[in-house]
C-alpha cells in the first residue's frame, strides 16, 4: 500500500466516523516529516479520542502500527505518526488556533471529494 493509499484509507475512516473538515495535504516535496498530513476536526474531546481510536484500529487491521501517538490525555489535538502519513485530529477550537493549513499553505491539497460521503 502506497503512502497515498494509506492516507486515503485514513480519510475514509475519519469520514465514516463523522470527522469534520477533513483535508489531505501533500508535504513530501516540502518536508522530511513524511509524505502526507491528514487533518480532521471533532466537536468534542470524546469525538477526538473516538476518531483517533478508530484510525488506529482500522490501520492495525491492515497491518500498520503508528510509530507514536501524542495528545491522547488532553484530546485537544491527537497526532498519530504513521511514518509517511501524519494524522492530526483536532478539537475544532484547537485546529483554529494552530491553523496547520496556514502553516503549510505551500503544500498542495489532494482532492478527496470522491471519497468523502455526501451529507
C-alpha atoms as a PDB file:
ATOM      1  CA  UNK A   1       0.000   0.000   0.000  1.00  0.00           C
ATOM      2  CA  UNK A   2       1.468   3.361  -1.015  1.00  0.00           C
ATOM      3  CA  UNK A   3       1.519   6.300   1.371  1.00  0.00           C
ATOM      4  CA  UNK A   4      -1.234   7.967  -0.692  1.00  0.00           C
ATOM      5  CA  UNK A   5      -3.402   4.838  -0.420  1.00  0.00           C
ATOM      6  CA  UNK A   6      -2.714   4.769   3.325  1.00  0.00           C
ATOM      7  CA  UNK A   7      -3.700   8.430   3.660  1.00  0.00           C
ATOM      8  CA  UNK A   8      -6.888   7.944   1.643  1.00  0.00           C
ATOM      9  CA  UNK A   9      -7.804   4.943   3.784  1.00  0.00           C
ATOM     10  CA  UNK A  10      -7.412   7.114   6.881  1.00  0.00           C
ATOM     11  CA  UNK A  11      -9.570   9.818   5.268  1.00  0.00           C
ATOM     12  CA  UNK A  12     -12.300   7.211   4.684  1.00  0.00           C
ATOM     13  CA  UNK A  13     -12.131   6.042   8.304  1.00  0.00           C
ATOM     14  CA  UNK A  14     -12.380   9.607   9.615  1.00  0.00           C
ATOM     15  CA  UNK A  15     -15.249  10.392   7.261  1.00  0.00           C
ATOM     16  CA  UNK A  16     -17.158   7.260   8.247  1.00  0.00           C
ATOM     17  CA  UNK A  17     -16.789   8.255  11.932  1.00  0.00           C
ATOM     18  CA  UNK A  18     -18.123  11.770  11.196  1.00  0.00           C
ATOM     19  CA  UNK A  19     -14.837  13.656  11.304  1.00  0.00           C
ATOM     20  CA  UNK A  20     -15.310  17.246  10.151  1.00  0.00           C
ATOM     21  CA  UNK A  21     -13.493  19.345   7.542  1.00  0.00           C
ATOM     22  CA  UNK A  22     -11.120  16.547   6.530  1.00  0.00           C
ATOM     23  CA  UNK A  23      -8.107  17.620   4.480  1.00  0.00           C
ATOM     24  CA  UNK A  24      -5.316  15.651   2.842  1.00  0.00           C
ATOM     25  CA  UNK A  25      -2.160  17.710   2.373  1.00  0.00           C
ATOM     26  CA  UNK A  26       0.857  16.527   0.375  1.00  0.00           C
ATOM     27  CA  UNK A  27       4.060  17.528   2.159  1.00  0.00           C
ATOM     28  CA  UNK A  28       6.575  15.142   0.576  1.00  0.00           C
ATOM     29  CA  UNK A  29       8.261  17.797  -1.569  1.00  0.00           C
ATOM     30  CA  UNK A  30       8.423  20.304   1.300  1.00  0.00           C
ATOM     31  CA  UNK A  31       9.466  18.297   4.343  1.00  0.00           C
ATOM     32  CA  UNK A  32      11.230  15.178   5.529  1.00  0.00           C
ATOM     33  CA  UNK A  33       8.436  14.618   8.092  1.00  0.00           C
ATOM     34  CA  UNK A  34       6.607  12.345   5.681  1.00  0.00           C
ATOM     35  CA  UNK A  35       4.508  12.371   2.533  1.00  0.00           C
ATOM     36  CA  UNK A  36       1.062  13.435   3.745  1.00  0.00           C
ATOM     37  CA  UNK A  37      -0.830  15.129   6.535  1.00  0.00           C
ATOM     38  CA  UNK A  38      -4.400  14.057   7.166  1.00  0.00           C
ATOM     39  CA  UNK A  39      -6.196  16.752   9.168  1.00  0.00           C
ATOM     40  CA  UNK A  40      -9.657  16.433  10.699  1.00  0.00           C
ATOM     41  CA  UNK A  41     -11.775  18.183  13.314  1.00  0.00           C
ATOM     42  CA  UNK A  42     -14.104  16.935  16.017  1.00  0.00           C
ATOM     43  CA  UNK A  43     -16.723  18.706  18.103  1.00  0.00           C
ATOM     44  CA  UNK A  44     -15.701  17.249  21.483  1.00  0.00           C
ATOM     45  CA  UNK A  45     -12.706  15.655  23.181  1.00  0.00           C
ATOM     46  CA  UNK A  46     -14.694  12.407  23.263  1.00  0.00           C
ATOM     47  CA  UNK A  47     -15.014  12.517  19.477  1.00  0.00           C
ATOM     48  CA  UNK A  48     -11.319  13.405  19.077  1.00  0.00           C
ATOM     49  CA  UNK A  49     -10.423  10.231  21.003  1.00  0.00           C
ATOM     50  CA  UNK A  50     -13.014   8.177  19.138  1.00  0.00           C
ATOM     51  CA  UNK A  51     -11.685   9.271  15.743  1.00  0.00           C
ATOM     52  CA  UNK A  52      -8.094   8.510  16.738  1.00  0.00           C
ATOM     53  CA  UNK A  53      -9.076   5.134  18.191  1.00  0.00           C
ATOM     54  CA  UNK A  54     -10.941   4.192  15.013  1.00  0.00           C
ATOM     55  CA  UNK A  55      -7.985   5.163  12.798  1.00  0.00           C
ATOM     56  CA  UNK A  56      -5.629   3.110  14.945  1.00  0.00           C
ATOM     57  CA  UNK A  57      -7.974   0.107  14.985  1.00  0.00           C
ATOM     58  CA  UNK A  58      -8.559   0.119  11.231  1.00  0.00           C
ATOM     59  CA  UNK A  59      -4.901   0.670  10.370  1.00  0.00           C
ATOM     60  CA  UNK A  60      -3.891  -2.160  12.722  1.00  0.00           C
ATOM     61  CA  UNK A  61      -6.282  -4.459  10.859  1.00  0.00           C
ATOM     62  CA  UNK A  62      -4.353  -3.559   7.689  1.00  0.00           C
ATOM     63  CA  UNK A  63      -1.017  -4.260   9.368  1.00  0.00           C
ATOM     64  CA  UNK A  64       0.037  -0.693  10.131  1.00  0.00           C
ATOM     65  CA  UNK A  65       1.015   0.398  13.631  1.00  0.00           C
ATOM     66  CA  UNK A  66       1.755   4.027  14.461  1.00  0.00           C
ATOM     67  CA  UNK A  67       5.336   4.975  15.235  1.00  0.00           C
ATOM     68  CA  UNK A  68       3.915   7.111  18.044  1.00  0.00           C
ATOM     69  CA  UNK A  69       0.722   8.766  19.209  1.00  0.00           C
ATOM     70  CA  UNK A  70       0.737  12.085  21.081  1.00  0.00           C
ATOM     71  CA  UNK A  71      -2.007  14.039  22.835  1.00  0.00           C
ATOM     72  CA  UNK A  72      -4.393  11.315  23.983  1.00  0.00           C
ATOM     73  CA  UNK A  73      -4.598  12.668  27.536  1.00  0.00           C
ATOM     74  CA  UNK A  74      -5.853  16.149  26.712  1.00  0.00           C
ATOM     75  CA  UNK A  75      -7.563  15.109  23.454  1.00  0.00           C
ATOM     76  CA  UNK A  76      -7.360  18.677  22.170  1.00  0.00           C
ATOM     77  CA  UNK A  77      -5.078  17.528  19.346  1.00  0.00           C
ATOM     78  CA  UNK A  78      -4.067  13.918  18.791  1.00  0.00           C
ATOM     79  CA  UNK A  79      -1.135  13.332  16.461  1.00  0.00           C
ATOM     80  CA  UNK A  80      -0.654   9.872  15.018  1.00  0.00           C
ATOM     81  CA  UNK A  81       2.642   9.209  13.238  1.00  0.00           C
ATOM     82  CA  UNK A  82       2.350   6.508  10.587  1.00  0.00           C
ATOM     83  CA  UNK A  83       5.861   7.270   9.256  1.00  0.00           C
ATOM     84  CA  UNK A  84       4.877   8.636   5.818  1.00  0.00           C
ATOM     85  CA  UNK A  85       1.414   9.764   6.921  1.00  0.00           C
ATOM     86  CA  UNK A  86       0.855  12.078   9.878  1.00  0.00           C
ATOM     87  CA  UNK A  87      -2.715  12.169  11.195  1.00  0.00           C
ATOM     88  CA  UNK A  88      -3.888  15.266  13.072  1.00  0.00           C
ATOM     89  CA  UNK A  89      -7.246  15.027  14.841  1.00  0.00           C
ATOM     90  CA  UNK A  90      -8.191  18.351  16.403  1.00  0.00           C
ATOM     91  CA  UNK A  91     -10.858  19.711  18.640  1.00  0.00           C
ATOM     92  CA  UNK A  92     -12.320  22.472  16.425  1.00  0.00           C
ATOM     93  CA  UNK A  93     -11.028  25.290  18.658  1.00  0.00           C
ATOM     94  CA  UNK A  94      -7.514  23.824  18.695  1.00  0.00           C
ATOM     95  CA  UNK A  95      -7.500  23.435  14.939  1.00  0.00           C
ATOM     96  CA  UNK A  96      -8.451  27.075  14.518  1.00  0.00           C
ATOM     97  CA  UNK A  97      -5.713  28.114  16.954  1.00  0.00           C
ATOM     98  CA  UNK A  98      -2.867  26.065  15.401  1.00  0.00           C
ATOM     99  CA  UNK A  99      -4.102  26.520  11.817  1.00  0.00           C
ATOM    100  CA  UNK A 100      -1.864  23.911  10.171  1.00  0.00           C
ATOM    101  CA  UNK A 101      -3.381  24.681   6.784  1.00  0.00           C
ATOM    102  CA  UNK A 102      -1.949  28.217   7.014  1.00  0.00           C
ATOM    103  CA  UNK A 103       1.446  26.954   8.191  1.00  0.00           C
ATOM    104  CA  UNK A 104       1.561  24.510   5.289  1.00  0.00           C
ATOM    105  CA  UNK A 105      -0.109  26.770   2.711  1.00  0.00           C
ATOM    106  CA  UNK A 106       2.625  25.954   0.145  1.00  0.00           C
ATOM    107  CA  UNK A 107       1.706  22.273   0.297  1.00  0.00           C
ATOM    108  CA  UNK A 108      -0.858  21.120  -2.261  1.00  0.00           C
ATOM    109  CA  UNK A 109      -4.150  19.696  -1.021  1.00  0.00           C
ATOM    110  CA  UNK A 110      -5.142  16.359  -2.521  1.00  0.00           C
ATOM    111  CA  UNK A 111      -8.674  16.239  -3.901  1.00  0.00           C
ATOM    112  CA  UNK A 112     -10.588  13.793  -1.707  1.00  0.00           C
ATOM    113  CA  UNK A 113     -14.096  14.820  -2.760  1.00  0.00           C
ATOM    114  CA  UNK A 114     -14.589  11.456  -4.488  1.00  0.00           C
ATOM    115  CA  UNK A 115     -14.054   9.520  -1.242  1.00  0.00           C
ATOM    116  CA  UNK A 116     -15.994  11.694   1.195  1.00  0.00           C
ATOM    117  CA  UNK A 117     -19.632  10.848   1.845  1.00  0.00           C
ATOM    118  CA  UNK A 118     -22.153  13.437   0.794  1.00  0.00           C
ATOM    119  CA  UNK A 119     -24.102  14.570   3.856  1.00  0.00           C
END
